[in-house]
Amino acid sequence: MEERRYTFNKNERLCSKKLIDRLFAGGNKSFPMFPLRVVYMPLAPEENTADVSILISVPKKRFKHAVKRNLVKRQVREAYRQNKYILLDVLKAKESNFKMILAFIWLDNKIYPAKLVEQKVKKLLTHIAENIQ
C-alpha cells in the first residue's frame, strides 16, 4: 500500500485562464452544500494538469476585508487537503483515467468554524465521487 501524502502542491491549483473559462462556460455540473457551491468538470487524460485541480473563490461582495476572505480560503484549502483522497481514489479506480477540475465558491456572508467547513467539503467530495461512478 502506498503512503498517502496529504499535501497541496502548486500543480493542484487551477491557474489556467482557458480551463477556468471552460469550467464556467456552462453545461458543467454544480450543486450547493451551504455555505459552499462546487462546480466541476471532467477533463481528458491528455490535458496537462494534476489528477484533480481546484479553484477557491470567496467573492469580495461577501467579505469586504481581505483578511476574512483569506481565512475562508485557508479553511476550504485545508479541508480539501485532508480529504482529497475521497475523490482521488475513485478517479484512480476508474479505467478511463480522466482528470477533473473543481471550483469551490463561498455563498454566505459569515465565517463558519473549520470543522463545519471540513464536513461540507467532505460531503461535496463524496457526492462528486458517487456521481462519477
C-alpha atoms as a PDB file:
ATOM      1  CA  MET A   1       0.000   0.000   0.000  1.00  0.00           C
ATOM      2  CA  GLU A   2       1.406   3.346  -0.981  1.00  0.00           C
ATOM      3  CA  GLU A   3       1.921   6.061   1.588  1.00  0.00           C
ATOM      4  CA  ARG A   4      -0.570   8.892   1.263  1.00  0.00           C
ATOM      5  CA  ARG A   5       0.769  12.398   1.168  1.00  0.00           C
ATOM      6  CA  TYR A   6      -1.693  14.998   2.351  1.00  0.00           C
ATOM      7  CA  THR A   7      -0.108  17.896   0.503  1.00  0.00           C
ATOM      8  CA  PHE A   8      -1.439  20.641  -1.696  1.00  0.00           C
ATOM      9  CA  ASN A   9       1.072  21.479  -4.412  1.00  0.00           C
ATOM     10  CA  LYS A  10       1.144  24.249  -6.982  1.00  0.00           C
ATOM     11  CA  ASN A  11       0.101  21.888  -9.793  1.00  0.00           C
ATOM     12  CA  GLU A  12      -3.121  21.085  -7.878  1.00  0.00           C
ATOM     13  CA  ARG A  13      -4.187  24.734  -8.108  1.00  0.00           C
ATOM     14  CA  LEU A  14      -6.288  25.700 -11.085  1.00  0.00           C
ATOM     15  CA  CYS A  15      -4.472  28.660 -12.662  1.00  0.00           C
ATOM     16  CA  SER A  16      -5.109  28.273 -16.385  1.00  0.00           C
ATOM     17  CA  LYS A  17      -7.391  31.013 -17.693  1.00  0.00           C
ATOM     18  CA  LYS A  18      -8.556  28.739 -20.529  1.00  0.00           C
ATOM     19  CA  LEU A  19      -9.567  25.937 -18.156  1.00  0.00           C
ATOM     20  CA  ILE A  20     -11.309  28.352 -15.793  1.00  0.00           C
ATOM     21  CA  ASP A  21     -13.279  29.818 -18.705  1.00  0.00           C
ATOM     22  CA  ARG A  22     -14.242  26.307 -19.851  1.00  0.00           C
ATOM     23  CA  LEU A  23     -15.324  25.409 -16.318  1.00  0.00           C
ATOM     24  CA  PHE A  24     -17.662  28.392 -16.004  1.00  0.00           C
ATOM     25  CA  ALA A  25     -18.807  28.477 -19.648  1.00  0.00           C
ATOM     26  CA  GLY A  26     -21.902  26.450 -18.810  1.00  0.00           C
ATOM     27  CA  GLY A  27     -23.027  22.887 -19.179  1.00  0.00           C
ATOM     28  CA  ASN A  28     -20.855  21.686 -16.298  1.00  0.00           C
ATOM     29  CA  LYS A  29     -22.206  20.114 -13.154  1.00  0.00           C
ATOM     30  CA  SER A  30     -22.612  22.121  -9.982  1.00  0.00           C
ATOM     31  CA  PHE A  31     -24.504  21.870  -6.731  1.00  0.00           C
ATOM     32  CA  PRO A  32     -24.576  23.678  -3.390  1.00  0.00           C
ATOM     33  CA  MET A  33     -23.833  22.383   0.091  1.00  0.00           C
ATOM     34  CA  PHE A  34     -24.373  25.606   2.013  1.00  0.00           C
ATOM     35  CA  PRO A  35     -22.178  27.670   2.611  1.00  0.00           C
ATOM     36  CA  LEU A  36     -20.248  26.267  -0.379  1.00  0.00           C
ATOM     37  CA  ARG A  37     -21.062  25.585  -4.010  1.00  0.00           C
ATOM     38  CA  VAL A  38     -18.947  23.324  -6.174  1.00  0.00           C
ATOM     39  CA  VAL A  39     -18.640  23.441  -9.955  1.00  0.00           C
ATOM     40  CA  TYR A  40     -16.787  20.542 -11.566  1.00  0.00           C
ATOM     41  CA  MET A  41     -15.823  19.289 -14.987  1.00  0.00           C
ATOM     42  CA  PRO A  42     -14.049  16.109 -16.117  1.00  0.00           C
ATOM     43  CA  LEU A  43     -11.048  16.527 -18.398  1.00  0.00           C
ATOM     44  CA  ALA A  44      -9.443  14.257 -20.956  1.00  0.00           C
ATOM     45  CA  PRO A  45      -6.354  12.455 -19.628  1.00  0.00           C
ATOM     46  CA  GLU A  46      -4.066  14.166 -22.130  1.00  0.00           C
ATOM     47  CA  GLU A  47      -4.697  17.593 -20.560  1.00  0.00           C
ATOM     48  CA  ASN A  48      -1.572  18.767 -18.725  1.00  0.00           C
ATOM     49  CA  THR A  49      -2.853  19.123 -15.145  1.00  0.00           C
ATOM     50  CA  ALA A  50      -2.854  17.200 -11.882  1.00  0.00           C
ATOM     51  CA  ASP A  51      -5.437  14.459 -11.355  1.00  0.00           C
ATOM     52  CA  VAL A  52      -7.664  16.990  -9.575  1.00  0.00           C
ATOM     53  CA  SER A  53      -7.083  20.745  -9.765  1.00  0.00           C
ATOM     54  CA  ILE A  54      -9.111  23.152  -7.647  1.00  0.00           C
ATOM     55  CA  LEU A  55     -10.009  26.818  -7.534  1.00  0.00           C
ATOM     56  CA  ILE A  56     -11.322  28.521  -4.390  1.00  0.00           C
ATOM     57  CA  SER A  57     -13.379  31.677  -4.801  1.00  0.00           C
ATOM     58  CA  VAL A  58     -14.571  33.932  -1.996  1.00  0.00           C
ATOM     59  CA  PRO A  59     -16.297  36.964  -3.543  1.00  0.00           C
ATOM     60  CA  LYS A  60     -15.479  40.468  -2.371  1.00  0.00           C
ATOM     61  CA  LYS A  61     -19.238  41.004  -2.250  1.00  0.00           C
ATOM     62  CA  ARG A  62     -19.381  38.557   0.708  1.00  0.00           C
ATOM     63  CA  PHE A  63     -16.403  39.857   2.696  1.00  0.00           C
ATOM     64  CA  LYS A  64     -15.061  43.361   2.132  1.00  0.00           C
ATOM     65  CA  HIS A  65     -11.850  42.731   4.095  1.00  0.00           C
ATOM     66  CA  ALA A  66      -9.177  40.559   2.501  1.00  0.00           C
ATOM     67  CA  VAL A  67      -8.269  39.105   5.905  1.00  0.00           C
ATOM     68  CA  LYS A  68     -11.672  37.419   6.161  1.00  0.00           C
ATOM     69  CA  ARG A  69     -11.596  36.231   2.532  1.00  0.00           C
ATOM     70  CA  ASN A  70      -8.162  34.703   3.093  1.00  0.00           C
ATOM     71  CA  LEU A  71      -9.335  32.988   6.292  1.00  0.00           C
ATOM     72  CA  VAL A  72     -12.209  31.311   4.457  1.00  0.00           C
ATOM     73  CA  LYS A  73      -9.911  30.274   1.597  1.00  0.00           C
ATOM     74  CA  ARG A  74      -7.462  28.751   4.090  1.00  0.00           C
ATOM     75  CA  GLN A  75     -10.277  26.790   5.741  1.00  0.00           C
ATOM     76  CA  VAL A  76     -11.518  25.384   2.433  1.00  0.00           C
ATOM     77  CA  ARG A  77      -7.988  24.607   1.205  1.00  0.00           C
ATOM     78  CA  GLU A  78      -7.132  22.767   4.428  1.00  0.00           C
ATOM     79  CA  ALA A  79     -10.396  20.796   4.350  1.00  0.00           C
ATOM     80  CA  TYR A  80      -9.718  19.772   0.738  1.00  0.00           C
ATOM     81  CA  ARG A  81      -6.112  18.845   1.527  1.00  0.00           C
ATOM     82  CA  GLN A  82      -7.179  16.490   4.308  1.00  0.00           C
ATOM     83  CA  ASN A  83      -9.999  14.845   2.331  1.00  0.00           C
ATOM     84  CA  LYS A  84      -8.832  14.873  -1.288  1.00  0.00           C
ATOM     85  CA  TYR A  85      -8.318  11.100  -1.383  1.00  0.00           C
ATOM     86  CA  ILE A  86     -12.093  10.593  -1.270  1.00  0.00           C
ATOM     87  CA  LEU A  87     -12.112  11.796  -4.876  1.00  0.00           C
ATOM     88  CA  LEU A  88      -8.616  10.708  -5.958  1.00  0.00           C
ATOM     89  CA  ASP A  89      -9.212   7.058  -5.031  1.00  0.00           C
ATOM     90  CA  VAL A  90     -12.348   6.925  -7.185  1.00  0.00           C
ATOM     91  CA  LEU A  91     -10.578   8.597 -10.122  1.00  0.00           C
ATOM     92  CA  LYS A  92      -7.664   6.143  -9.920  1.00  0.00           C
ATOM     93  CA  ALA A  93     -10.066   3.177  -9.746  1.00  0.00           C
ATOM     94  CA  LYS A  94     -11.771   4.223 -12.981  1.00  0.00           C
ATOM     95  CA  GLU A  95     -10.201   2.619 -16.026  1.00  0.00           C
ATOM     96  CA  SER A  96     -10.959   5.669 -18.192  1.00  0.00           C
ATOM     97  CA  ASN A  97      -8.229   7.533 -16.275  1.00  0.00           C
ATOM     98  CA  PHE A  98      -9.686  11.019 -16.723  1.00  0.00           C
ATOM     99  CA  LYS A  99      -8.857  14.105 -14.689  1.00  0.00           C
ATOM    100  CA  MET A 100     -11.092  16.680 -13.051  1.00  0.00           C
ATOM    101  CA  ILE A 101     -11.178  20.387 -12.232  1.00  0.00           C
ATOM    102  CA  LEU A 102     -13.210  21.798  -9.338  1.00  0.00           C
ATOM    103  CA  ALA A 103     -14.187  25.264  -8.180  1.00  0.00           C
ATOM    104  CA  PHE A 104     -15.346  25.884  -4.615  1.00  0.00           C
ATOM    105  CA  ILE A 105     -17.393  29.084  -4.327  1.00  0.00           C
ATOM    106  CA  TRP A 106     -18.329  30.603  -0.962  1.00  0.00           C
ATOM    107  CA  LEU A 107     -22.019  31.581  -0.721  1.00  0.00           C
ATOM    108  CA  ASP A 108     -22.538  33.129   2.720  1.00  0.00           C
ATOM    109  CA  ASN A 109     -21.672  36.411   4.435  1.00  0.00           C
ATOM    110  CA  LYS A 110     -20.358  34.876   7.631  1.00  0.00           C
ATOM    111  CA  ILE A 111     -17.402  32.781   8.701  1.00  0.00           C
ATOM    112  CA  TYR A 112     -18.043  29.253   9.951  1.00  0.00           C
ATOM    113  CA  PRO A 113     -15.911  27.035  12.224  1.00  0.00           C
ATOM    114  CA  ALA A 114     -13.258  24.989  10.434  1.00  0.00           C
ATOM    115  CA  LYS A 115     -14.922  21.698  11.492  1.00  0.00           C
ATOM    116  CA  LEU A 116     -18.167  22.652   9.755  1.00  0.00           C
ATOM    117  CA  VAL A 117     -16.329  23.740   6.600  1.00  0.00           C
ATOM    118  CA  GLU A 118     -14.460  20.423   6.585  1.00  0.00           C
ATOM    119  CA  GLN A 119     -17.722  18.464   6.925  1.00  0.00           C
ATOM    120  CA  LYS A 120     -19.223  20.327   3.966  1.00  0.00           C
ATOM    121  CA  VAL A 121     -16.149  19.841   1.778  1.00  0.00           C
ATOM    122  CA  LYS A 122     -16.136  16.128   2.675  1.00  0.00           C
ATOM    123  CA  LYS A 123     -19.824  15.824   1.700  1.00  0.00           C
ATOM    124  CA  LEU A 124     -19.187  17.649  -1.577  1.00  0.00           C
ATOM    125  CA  LEU A 125     -16.245  15.399  -2.476  1.00  0.00           C
ATOM    126  CA  THR A 126     -18.244  12.287  -1.577  1.00  0.00           C
ATOM    127  CA  HIS A 127     -21.154  13.451  -3.729  1.00  0.00           C
ATOM    128  CA  ILE A 128     -18.851  14.101  -6.694  1.00  0.00           C
ATOM    129  CA  ALA A 129     -17.201  10.686  -6.224  1.00  0.00           C
ATOM    130  CA  GLU A 130     -20.634   8.993  -6.237  1.00  0.00           C
ATOM    131  CA  ASN A 131     -21.665  10.843  -9.418  1.00  0.00           C
ATOM    132  CA  ILE A 132     -18.510   9.729 -11.234  1.00  0.00           C
ATOM    133  CA  GLN A 133     -19.323   6.036 -10.854  1.00  0.00           C
END
